[in-house]
Amino acid sequence: MQSPAESCSAESFSADSSLARATPLRVKICGITQPDQGRAIAQLGVSALGFICVAASPRYVTPEQIRAIVEVLPPEALVDRVGVFVDAAIAEIERVVAIAQLTAVQLHGNESPEDCQRVRAALPHIEVIKALRVRDAAILDLAHRYTPHIDTLLLDAYHPHLYGGTGATLDWAMLRDFEPDCPWLLAGGLTPDNVQHALQAARAHGIDLSSGVERSPGNKDLRLVERLMGAIAPLGRQKRRTQPLG
């Protein structure tokens, strides 16, 4: 059991927080599973909430559970709602998007550029994010194949068996000159303690965190999210994605 000093309830955060403002850097907190935590994190000023739509994941939530979280989000937050899929059929992605009221889909498996284009054609008003798991610099050369078919790229750490949420970091120095033809998010082992160093090394338009702001899989630590927002406040570059898709 946590002590009062360690615990942090969602109710203790409100829109009056000094951190409850839009940050110029796009910030996505992934693996949201609880309505009260989703609402509190949105109030802290993040750009996007991510929901894991992969049944094998410990952070999995059903479309109906996502909808319940979405329905309690403060309307003034204007937060993007991202469903994360791994090699899912387009019909399944469409079903989840409709039920959960998602504004974006993140393809985190072995989807090809052609697969991304098919998702984009099926869901023309939904942002398409493609994640690449970076084992070495050669993976970065694949980015140009994807950028014509997606809206946003995400770089995550490679793991031979897991697709994300591992806590492993990338070689940020390898990303110093990485400039694809679309906005991109940095993921993989980011925490409030290392995010400044990561963003000084890699010129990302945004960041994606899951395990770095958790007590356990799917259970977010709101104080860590608050620390994260304070850490990135001086580093903002790009506003959250609010423009409509073409």
Protein backbone atom coordinates (compact mmCIF):
# COMPACT_ATOMS: atom_id res chain seq x y z
CA MET A 1 0.00 0.00 0.00
CA GLN A 2 1.28 3.45 -0.86
CA SER A 3 1.80 6.10 1.75
CA PRO A 4 -0.09 9.40 1.45
CA ALA A 5 3.12 11.05 0.30
CA GLU A 6 3.48 8.55 -2.53
CA SER A 7 -0.12 8.44 -3.64
CA CYS A 8 -1.60 10.95 -6.02
CA SER A 9 -5.29 10.77 -6.85
CA ALA A 10 -6.72 12.06 -10.10
CA GLU A 11 -8.97 14.39 -8.13
CA SER A 12 -5.93 16.26 -6.79
CA PHE A 13 -5.24 17.61 -10.27
CA SER A 14 -7.50 20.19 -11.83
CA ALA A 15 -7.58 22.50 -14.82
CA ASP A 16 -6.37 25.25 -12.49
CA SER A 17 -2.94 23.60 -12.27
CA SER A 18 -0.11 25.82 -13.48
CA LEU A 19 0.81 22.99 -15.82
CA ALA A 20 -2.70 22.68 -17.28
CA ARG A 21 -1.88 24.43 -20.51
CA ALA A 22 -1.03 23.41 -24.04
CA THR A 23 2.66 22.73 -24.52
CA PRO A 24 4.26 23.65 -27.88
CA LEU A 25 5.87 20.20 -28.03
CA ARG A 26 3.49 17.38 -28.89
CA VAL A 27 3.22 15.07 -25.90
CA LYS A 28 1.49 11.68 -26.09
CA ILE A 29 0.94 9.57 -23.00
CA CYS A 30 0.22 6.02 -24.07
CA GLY A 31 -1.32 3.03 -22.31
CA ILE A 32 -4.20 4.89 -20.65
CA THR A 33 -6.59 2.46 -18.96
CA GLN A 34 -8.52 4.44 -16.33
CA PRO A 35 -11.05 7.25 -16.88
CA ASP A 36 -9.95 9.35 -13.91
CA GLN A 37 -6.31 9.14 -14.93
CA GLY A 38 -7.12 9.95 -18.55
CA ARG A 39 -9.02 13.05 -17.51
CA ALA A 40 -6.32 14.19 -15.08
CA ILE A 41 -3.55 13.71 -17.65
CA ALA A 42 -5.52 15.65 -20.26
CA GLN A 43 -5.92 18.48 -17.74
CA LEU A 44 -2.14 18.60 -17.32
CA GLY A 45 -1.86 19.81 -20.91
CA VAL A 46 -0.74 16.76 -22.92
CA SER A 47 -1.46 16.69 -26.65
CA ALA A 48 -2.61 13.09 -27.02
CA LEU A 49 -3.72 10.03 -25.08
CA GLY A 50 -2.86 6.59 -26.41
CA PHE A 51 -4.96 3.45 -25.96
CA ILE A 52 -3.58 -0.03 -26.56
CA CYS A 53 -5.90 -2.02 -28.83
CA VAL A 54 -3.83 -5.22 -28.72
CA ALA A 55 -5.40 -7.94 -26.57
CA ALA A 56 -2.06 -9.51 -25.63
CA SER A 57 -0.84 -6.30 -23.99
CA PRO A 58 -1.13 -5.76 -20.20
CA ARG A 59 -2.36 -2.25 -21.09
CA TYR A 60 -5.14 -3.47 -23.39
CA VAL A 61 -8.49 -1.70 -23.25
CA THR A 62 -11.62 -2.60 -25.17
CA PRO A 63 -13.25 -0.07 -27.52
CA GLU A 64 -16.02 0.36 -24.97
CA GLN A 65 -13.49 1.10 -22.21
CA ILE A 66 -11.80 3.68 -24.43
CA ARG A 67 -15.17 5.29 -25.11
CA ALA A 68 -15.81 5.55 -21.36
CA ILE A 69 -12.48 7.36 -20.94
CA VAL A 70 -13.11 9.65 -23.92
CA GLU A 71 -16.52 10.65 -22.56
CA VAL A 72 -15.02 12.08 -19.35
CA LEU A 73 -12.27 14.09 -21.03
CA PRO A 74 -12.64 17.83 -20.50
CA PRO A 75 -13.81 19.40 -23.78
CA GLU A 76 -11.44 22.31 -23.40
CA ALA A 77 -8.44 19.95 -23.47
CA LEU A 78 -8.72 19.24 -27.24
CA VAL A 79 -6.63 16.12 -26.74
CA ASP A 80 -5.98 13.70 -29.60
CA ARG A 81 -7.19 10.13 -28.98
CA VAL A 82 -4.88 7.51 -30.48
CA GLY A 83 -5.60 3.81 -30.83
CA VAL A 84 -2.48 1.61 -31.06
CA PHE A 85 -2.76 -1.46 -33.30
CA VAL A 86 -0.38 -4.25 -34.30
CA ASP A 87 -0.96 -5.82 -37.72
CA ALA A 88 -4.72 -5.46 -37.35
CA ALA A 89 -7.24 -5.90 -40.16
CA ILE A 90 -8.64 -2.66 -41.55
CA ALA A 91 -12.18 -3.71 -40.66
CA GLU A 92 -11.14 -4.12 -37.02
CA ILE A 93 -9.41 -0.74 -36.97
CA GLU A 94 -12.52 0.89 -38.45
CA ARG A 95 -14.72 -0.81 -35.84
CA VAL A 96 -12.59 0.36 -32.93
CA VAL A 97 -12.29 3.91 -34.28
CA ALA A 98 -16.07 4.19 -34.58
CA ILE A 99 -16.87 2.82 -31.11
CA ALA A 100 -14.04 4.51 -29.24
CA GLN A 101 -14.29 7.90 -31.01
CA LEU A 102 -10.60 7.91 -31.91
CA THR A 103 -8.97 10.75 -33.82
CA ALA A 104 -5.82 8.84 -34.77
CA VAL A 105 -4.51 5.32 -35.28
CA GLN A 106 -0.97 4.20 -34.58
CA LEU A 107 0.28 1.21 -36.57
CA HIS A 108 2.92 -0.40 -34.37
CA GLY A 109 3.51 -3.73 -36.07
CA ASN A 110 5.02 -4.88 -39.35
CA GLU A 111 2.67 -2.85 -41.53
CA SER A 112 4.05 -1.98 -44.97
CA PRO A 113 3.76 1.43 -46.64
CA GLU A 114 0.97 -0.07 -48.72
CA ASP A 115 -0.85 -1.17 -45.56
CA CYS A 116 -0.59 2.37 -44.22
CA GLN A 117 -2.02 3.76 -47.42
CA ARG A 118 -4.96 1.37 -47.23
CA VAL A 119 -5.71 2.50 -43.68
CA ARG A 120 -5.48 6.12 -44.76
CA ALA A 121 -7.87 5.50 -47.64
CA ALA A 122 -10.35 3.74 -45.36
CA LEU A 123 -10.17 6.46 -42.69
CA PRO A 124 -9.41 9.70 -44.56
CA HIS A 125 -10.19 11.99 -41.62
CA ILE A 126 -8.15 10.04 -39.08
CA GLU A 127 -4.47 10.72 -38.43
CA VAL A 128 -2.23 7.77 -39.36
CA ILE A 129 0.89 7.30 -37.24
CA LYS A 130 3.40 4.63 -38.22
CA ALA A 131 5.84 3.34 -35.61
CA LEU A 132 9.25 2.02 -36.58
CA ARG A 133 11.21 -0.03 -34.06
CA VAL A 134 14.81 1.08 -34.48
CA ARG A 135 17.44 -1.63 -34.14
CA ASP A 136 20.11 0.25 -36.13
CA ALA A 137 20.58 3.19 -38.47
CA ALA A 138 19.43 1.14 -41.46
CA ILE A 139 15.85 1.26 -40.14
CA LEU A 140 15.91 5.04 -40.42
CA ASP A 141 16.40 4.69 -44.18
CA LEU A 142 12.92 3.12 -44.37
CA ALA A 143 11.27 6.34 -43.24
CA HIS A 144 11.13 7.85 -46.71
CA ARG A 145 9.09 4.86 -47.92
CA TYR A 146 6.40 5.52 -45.32
CA THR A 147 6.12 9.30 -45.24
CA PRO A 148 3.99 9.65 -48.42
CA HIS A 149 1.38 7.35 -46.85
CA ILE A 150 1.17 8.60 -43.26
CA ASP A 151 0.72 11.80 -41.29
CA THR A 152 3.20 11.19 -38.47
CA LEU A 153 6.15 8.89 -37.83
CA LEU A 154 7.10 7.42 -34.44
CA LEU A 155 10.47 5.93 -33.56
CA ASP A 156 10.55 3.36 -30.77
CA ALA A 157 13.25 1.13 -29.32
CA TYR A 158 13.62 -2.32 -30.84
CA HIS A 159 12.77 -5.44 -28.85
CA PRO A 160 12.83 -8.90 -30.50
CA HIS A 161 9.52 -9.99 -28.95
CA LEU A 162 7.66 -6.92 -27.64
CA TYR A 163 6.18 -4.05 -29.64
CA GLY A 164 6.41 -1.27 -27.06
CA GLY A 165 6.26 -0.20 -23.43
CA THR A 166 9.54 -1.98 -22.70
CA GLY A 167 11.40 0.93 -21.09
CA ALA A 168 14.35 0.45 -23.48
CA THR A 169 15.88 3.59 -25.00
CA LEU A 170 17.13 4.43 -28.46
CA ASP A 171 20.60 5.66 -29.36
CA TRP A 172 19.55 9.31 -29.47
CA ALA A 173 22.83 10.45 -31.03
CA MET A 174 21.95 8.33 -34.07
CA LEU A 175 18.88 10.52 -34.55
CA ARG A 176 20.65 13.87 -34.51
CA ASP A 177 20.31 14.38 -38.27
CA PHE A 178 17.05 12.48 -38.72
CA GLU A 179 14.65 14.78 -40.56
CA PRO A 180 11.86 12.87 -42.35
CA ASP A 181 9.31 14.56 -44.60
CA CYS A 182 6.63 14.52 -41.90
CA PRO A 183 6.41 15.27 -38.17
CA TRP A 184 7.85 12.57 -35.94
CA LEU A 185 7.60 11.47 -32.32
CA LEU A 186 10.36 10.03 -30.17
CA ALA A 187 9.47 7.07 -27.95
CA GLY A 188 11.38 4.37 -26.11
CA GLY A 189 12.38 4.58 -22.47
CA LEU A 190 11.70 8.28 -22.00
CA THR A 191 11.23 9.54 -18.43
CA PRO A 192 10.97 12.94 -16.75
CA ASP A 193 14.65 12.54 -15.86
CA ASN A 194 16.04 11.88 -19.36
CA VAL A 195 13.61 13.66 -21.67
CA GLN A 196 15.58 16.91 -21.83
CA HIS A 197 18.74 15.07 -22.85
CA ALA A 198 16.82 13.04 -25.43
CA LEU A 199 15.28 16.13 -27.04
CA GLN A 200 18.59 17.97 -27.09
CA ALA A 201 20.08 15.03 -29.01
CA ALA A 202 17.14 14.25 -31.31
CA ARG A 203 15.17 16.94 -33.14
CA ALA A 204 11.76 15.33 -32.66
CA HIS A 205 8.47 17.19 -33.01
CA GLY A 206 7.04 15.34 -30.02
CA ILE A 207 7.43 12.56 -27.50
CA ASP A 208 5.53 9.40 -26.54
CA LEU A 209 5.76 7.92 -23.05
CA SER A 210 4.16 4.93 -21.37
CA SER A 211 6.26 3.00 -18.84
CA GLY A 212 8.27 6.13 -17.99
CA VAL A 213 5.25 7.65 -16.22
CA GLU A 214 3.79 4.50 -14.67
CA ARG A 215 3.65 2.72 -11.32
CA SER A 216 2.73 -0.50 -13.11
CA PRO A 217 1.49 -1.32 -16.64
CA GLY A 218 -1.58 0.83 -17.30
CA ASN A 219 -1.48 2.58 -13.92
CA LYS A 220 -0.09 6.06 -14.53
CA ASP A 221 1.75 8.06 -11.90
CA LEU A 222 0.27 11.55 -12.19
CA ARG A 223 3.15 13.13 -10.34
CA LEU A 224 5.54 11.74 -12.94
CA VAL A 225 3.37 13.21 -15.71
CA GLU A 226 3.43 16.54 -13.89
CA ARG A 227 7.23 16.34 -13.63
CA LEU A 228 7.45 15.49 -17.32
CA MET A 229 5.43 18.55 -18.30
CA GLY A 230 7.67 20.73 -16.17
CA ALA A 231 10.81 19.20 -17.70
CA ILE A 232 9.77 19.86 -21.30
CA ALA A 233 8.31 23.33 -20.74
CA PRO A 234 11.49 25.11 -21.96
CA LEU A 235 11.98 22.77 -24.93
CA GLY A 236 8.75 23.19 -26.92
CA ARG A 237 8.90 23.51 -30.70
CA GLN A 238 5.68 22.43 -32.40
CA LYS A 239 2.10 22.86 -31.27
CA ARG A 240 -0.19 19.86 -30.93
CA ARG A 241 -1.74 18.58 -34.10
CA THR A 242 -5.14 20.31 -34.40
CA GLN A 243 -5.40 21.07 -38.09
CA PRO A 244 -7.90 18.96 -40.07
CA LEU A 245 -6.60 16.22 -42.31
CA GLY A 246 -6.83 16.72 -46.04
